[in-house]
C-alpha atoms as a PDB file:
ATOM      1  CA  GLN A   1      17.174  12.703 -21.875  1.00  0.00           C
ATOM      2  CA  VAL A   2      14.056  10.588 -22.502  1.00  0.00           C
ATOM      3  CA  GLN A   3      11.694   8.893 -19.882  1.00  0.00           C
ATOM      4  CA  LEU A   4       9.704   5.853 -20.652  1.00  0.00           C
ATOM      5  CA  VAL A   5       7.074   4.479 -18.262  1.00  0.00           C
ATOM      6  CA  GLU A   6       5.149   1.295 -19.037  1.00  0.00           C
ATOM      7  CA  SER A   7       1.847   0.508 -17.591  1.00  0.00           C
ATOM      8  CA  GLY A   8      -1.034  -2.029 -18.023  1.00  0.00           C
ATOM      9  CA  GLY A   9       0.502  -5.304 -17.188  1.00  0.00           C
ATOM     10  CA  GLY A  10      -1.303  -7.887 -14.990  1.00  0.00           C
ATOM     11  CA  LEU A  11      -2.799 -11.358 -14.760  1.00  0.00           C
ATOM     12  CA  VAL A  12      -5.074 -12.596 -17.548  1.00  0.00           C
ATOM     13  CA  GLN A  13      -6.445 -15.916 -18.666  1.00  0.00           C
ATOM     14  CA  ALA A  14      -5.471 -17.356 -21.898  1.00  0.00           C
ATOM     15  CA  GLY A  15      -7.517 -16.016 -24.706  1.00  0.00           C
ATOM     16  CA  GLY A  16      -7.866 -12.766 -22.940  1.00  0.00           C
ATOM     17  CA  SER A  17      -6.689  -9.340 -23.839  1.00  0.00           C
ATOM     18  CA  LEU A  18      -4.463  -6.540 -22.191  1.00  0.00           C
ATOM     19  CA  ARG A  19      -3.287  -3.278 -23.416  1.00  0.00           C
ATOM     20  CA  LEU A  20      -0.015  -1.980 -22.479  1.00  0.00           C
ATOM     21  CA  SER A  21       0.952   1.722 -22.400  1.00  0.00           C
ATOM     22  CA  CYS A  22       4.323   3.405 -22.688  1.00  0.00           C
ATOM     23  CA  ALA A  23       4.287   7.147 -21.840  1.00  0.00           C
ATOM     24  CA  ALA A  24       7.240   9.108 -23.115  1.00  0.00           C
ATOM     25  CA  SER A  25       8.513  12.460 -21.730  1.00  0.00           C
ATOM     26  CA  GLY A  26      11.553  14.528 -21.808  1.00  0.00           C
ATOM     27  CA  ARG A  27      13.297  15.061 -25.289  1.00  0.00           C
ATOM     28  CA  THR A  28      10.774  13.093 -27.162  1.00  0.00           C
ATOM     29  CA  LEU A  29      11.708  14.845 -30.434  1.00  0.00           C
ATOM     30  CA  SER A  30      14.731  12.771 -30.497  1.00  0.00           C
ATOM     31  CA  ILE A  31      12.957   9.482 -30.705  1.00  0.00           C
ATOM     32  CA  TYR A  32      12.585   7.933 -34.023  1.00  0.00           C
ATOM     33  CA  THR A  33      11.334   4.424 -33.356  1.00  0.00           C
ATOM     34  CA  VAL A  34       9.433   3.029 -30.260  1.00  0.00           C
ATOM     35  CA  GLY A  35       9.677  -0.695 -29.721  1.00  0.00           C
ATOM     36  CA  TRP A  36       8.077  -3.172 -27.453  1.00  0.00           C
ATOM     37  CA  PHE A  37      10.251  -6.091 -26.174  1.00  0.00           C
ATOM     38  CA  ARG A  38       9.863  -8.976 -23.760  1.00  0.00           C
ATOM     39  CA  GLN A  39      11.850 -11.054 -21.640  1.00  0.00           C
ATOM     40  CA  THR A  40      11.342 -14.164 -19.398  1.00  0.00           C
ATOM     41  CA  PRO A  41      13.937 -15.534 -16.853  1.00  0.00           C
ATOM     42  CA  GLY A  42      16.899 -17.281 -18.584  1.00  0.00           C
ATOM     43  CA  LYS A  43      15.951 -16.088 -21.923  1.00  0.00           C
ATOM     44  CA  GLU A  44      17.316 -13.201 -23.980  1.00  0.00           C
ATOM     45  CA  ARG A  45      15.202 -10.186 -24.413  1.00  0.00           C
ATOM     46  CA  GLU A  46      13.196 -10.475 -27.610  1.00  0.00           C
ATOM     47  CA  PHE A  47      11.486  -8.061 -30.081  1.00  0.00           C
ATOM     48  CA  VAL A  48       7.709  -7.885 -30.118  1.00  0.00           C
ATOM     49  CA  ALA A  49       6.703  -4.825 -32.184  1.00  0.00           C
ATOM     50  CA  SER A  50       7.785  -1.276 -33.271  1.00  0.00           C
ATOM     51  CA  THR A  51       6.438   1.736 -34.568  1.00  0.00           C
ATOM     52  CA  ASN A  52       8.123   4.961 -36.034  1.00  0.00           C
ATOM     53  CA  TRP A  53       7.409   7.939 -33.874  1.00  0.00           C
ATOM     54  CA  ILE A  54       4.666   9.382 -35.961  1.00  0.00           C
ATOM     55  CA  GLY A  55       2.862   5.832 -36.057  1.00  0.00           C
ATOM     56  CA  THR A  56       2.991   5.434 -39.686  1.00  0.00           C
ATOM     57  CA  ARG A  57       5.090   2.424 -40.087  1.00  0.00           C
ATOM     58  CA  THR A  58       4.911  -0.737 -37.861  1.00  0.00           C
ATOM     59  CA  SER A  59       6.696  -4.079 -37.569  1.00  0.00           C
ATOM     60  CA  TYR A  60       5.832  -7.268 -35.564  1.00  0.00           C
ATOM     61  CA  ALA A  61       7.457 -10.542 -34.573  1.00  0.00           C
ATOM     62  CA  ASP A  62       5.930 -13.398 -36.218  1.00  0.00           C
ATOM     63  CA  SER A  63       4.983 -15.033 -32.957  1.00  0.00           C
ATOM     64  CA  VAL A  64       2.440 -11.928 -32.451  1.00  0.00           C
ATOM     65  CA  LYS A  65       1.297 -11.193 -35.883  1.00  0.00           C
ATOM     66  CA  GLY A  66      -2.604 -10.992 -36.078  1.00  0.00           C
ATOM     67  CA  ARG A  67      -2.879 -10.968 -32.238  1.00  0.00           C
ATOM     68  CA  PHE A  68      -0.829  -7.825 -31.126  1.00  0.00           C
ATOM     69  CA  THR A  69      -1.424  -4.348 -32.382  1.00  0.00           C
ATOM     70  CA  ILE A  70       0.963  -1.384 -31.758  1.00  0.00           C
ATOM     71  CA  SER A  71      -0.319   2.175 -32.019  1.00  0.00           C
ATOM     72  CA  LYS A  72       0.690   5.783 -30.924  1.00  0.00           C
ATOM     73  CA  ASP A  73      -1.455   8.644 -29.584  1.00  0.00           C
ATOM     74  CA  ASN A  74       0.672  11.572 -30.854  1.00  0.00           C
ATOM     75  CA  ALA A  75      -1.120  14.030 -28.511  1.00  0.00           C
ATOM     76  CA  LYS A  76      -0.371  12.052 -25.465  1.00  0.00           C
ATOM     77  CA  ASN A  77       3.105  10.835 -26.445  1.00  0.00           C
ATOM     78  CA  THR A  78       2.076   7.328 -25.675  1.00  0.00           C
ATOM     79  CA  VAL A  79       2.675   4.148 -27.479  1.00  0.00           C
ATOM     80  CA  TYR A  80       0.113   1.236 -26.814  1.00  0.00           C
ATOM     81  CA  LEU A  81       0.307  -2.397 -27.299  1.00  0.00           C
ATOM     82  CA  GLN A  82      -2.931  -4.047 -27.740  1.00  0.00           C
ATOM     83  CA  MET A  83      -2.587  -7.859 -27.012  1.00  0.00           C
ATOM     84  CA  ASN A  84      -5.408 -10.153 -27.919  1.00  0.00           C
ATOM     85  CA  SER A  85      -5.726 -13.870 -27.870  1.00  0.00           C
ATOM     86  CA  LEU A  86      -3.110 -14.179 -25.347  1.00  0.00           C
ATOM     87  CA  LYS A  87      -1.273 -17.401 -24.803  1.00  0.00           C
ATOM     88  CA  SER A  88       0.595 -18.777 -21.816  1.00  0.00           C
ATOM     89  CA  GLU A  89       3.849 -18.203 -23.933  1.00  0.00           C
ATOM     90  CA  ASP A  90       3.354 -14.467 -23.944  1.00  0.00           C
ATOM     91  CA  THR A  91       4.035 -14.391 -20.123  1.00  0.00           C
ATOM     92  CA  ALA A  92       6.979 -12.139 -19.812  1.00  0.00           C
ATOM     93  CA  VAL A  93       8.214  -8.722 -18.551  1.00  0.00           C
ATOM     94  CA  TYR A  94       7.265  -6.297 -21.341  1.00  0.00           C
ATOM     95  CA  TYR A  95       9.670  -3.322 -21.962  1.00  0.00           C
ATOM     96  CA  CYS A  96       9.220  -0.330 -24.218  1.00  0.00           C
ATOM     97  CA  ALA A  97      12.267   1.211 -25.686  1.00  0.00           C
ATOM     98  CA  GLY A  98      13.254   4.279 -27.667  1.00  0.00           C
ATOM     99  CA  GLN A  99      15.530   4.472 -30.689  1.00  0.00           C
ATOM    100  CA  ARG A 100      17.223   7.570 -32.038  1.00  0.00           C
ATOM    101  CA  TYR A 101      17.390   8.307 -35.862  1.00  0.00           C
ATOM    102  CA  ARG A 102      20.230   6.383 -37.538  1.00  0.00           C
ATOM    103  CA  ILE A 103      21.311   4.626 -34.212  1.00  0.00           C
ATOM    104  CA  GLU A 104      20.944   0.925 -34.446  1.00  0.00           C
ATOM    105  CA  THR A 105      20.457   0.251 -30.670  1.00  0.00           C
ATOM    106  CA  TYR A 106      17.518   1.251 -28.385  1.00  0.00           C
ATOM    107  CA  ASP A 107      19.100   3.746 -25.948  1.00  0.00           C
ATOM    108  CA  TYR A 108      15.997   4.597 -23.840  1.00  0.00           C
ATOM    109  CA  TRP A 109      14.230   1.964 -21.812  1.00  0.00           C
ATOM    110  CA  GLY A 110      11.390   1.806 -19.426  1.00  0.00           C
ATOM    111  CA  GLN A 111      11.276  -0.108 -16.190  1.00  0.00           C
ATOM    112  CA  GLY A 112       9.105  -3.036 -17.521  1.00  0.00           C
ATOM    113  CA  THR A 113       5.614  -4.328 -16.828  1.00  0.00           C
ATOM    114  CA  GLN A 114       4.772  -7.898 -16.058  1.00  0.00           C
ATOM    115  CA  VAL A 115       2.145  -9.711 -18.071  1.00  0.00           C
ATOM    116  CA  THR A 116       1.175 -13.259 -16.818  1.00  0.00           C
ATOM    117  CA  VAL A 117      -1.220 -15.347 -18.888  1.00  0.00           C
ATOM    118  CA  SER A 118      -2.661 -18.414 -17.171  1.00  0.00           C
ATOM    119  CA  SER A 119      -3.705 -21.527 -18.912  1.00  0.00           C
END
């Protein structure tokens, strides 16, 4: 089994920055891709960014391109989401998730961390 634990959320003013962390433990060799998702009340969870496990291939939602950066510290089995130029519409609960090789769905999920951007 794999455990994912997010941290780093909080309250920040518009234009500010936050860095989220996702620490992975357990059978981490089974993880092929790590993604960040976010969700606000009444809305579906949406994709934010992803990286392959070795951190060489990344993908971003159009809404965060140029502002957010996903990266991975292989020694620490931790994936980061650096969020700059934050906007009020970035306010959400952010989740990290793990996807296994050749499996379409993300099977491993963290508990989420709240990000609130005040305007």
